[in-house]
Amino acid sequence: MPRHSWTAGAYDEHGAALYRHALMIVGDRAVAEDVLHQVFVRLLRRGASAEAVHATRAYLRQAVRNECFSWLRRPQPVRREAHDGLPLLEPSGPAVQDDRVVLEQALDSLPPEQREVVHLKVYEGFTFAEIADLTGVSINTASSRYRYALDKLAARLGDERTDTGRTA
């Protein structure tokens, strides 16, 4: 199969999920689109083929992640804008629009590493072991980022849980 056909197929199959992953990390639609574009252009230039990419989904997700964090490390002349109400979340049931916007704003306020772990765990269904492997951190770090993110979300959303039932 020609490389452009494989790349187009990979984009069709994984593009939407990769875009959501990028958007969750960078929090900006235009940047997420640029990240995805850069990853697939690199694949075409390198002549990547289906045989060259052992685990397509994992490879592409790692490439997108690397490109996102490279962008975040660059000096930014202007503070990045929020996602402008773009649906980062795809709830399985009916969602009240106001609640959805509040949740998206709360997610956008998290540091990128925590936002990414929440996205991978909750919306992509990854285990902490898979998240650790993908992000290059220990399982403990991945789970800590998730726990810290949930604590920050709870505080921001005004969750008044008690510590009853929580283990140390």
Foldseek 3Di string as FASTA:
>chain_A
DFQVVQLVVLCVVCVVVLLLLLCLQQQENVLSVVLLVVLSVVSVVVRDDPVNDPDSNLVSSLSSVVSSVVVVPDDDPDPGDGHVLDQSDDDPDDDDSVVSVLLSVLSVPQHSLLSSLCCCVPVVPDQLVVVCVSVVHDSVVSVVSPVVSVVSSCVSVVPPDDCPPPDD
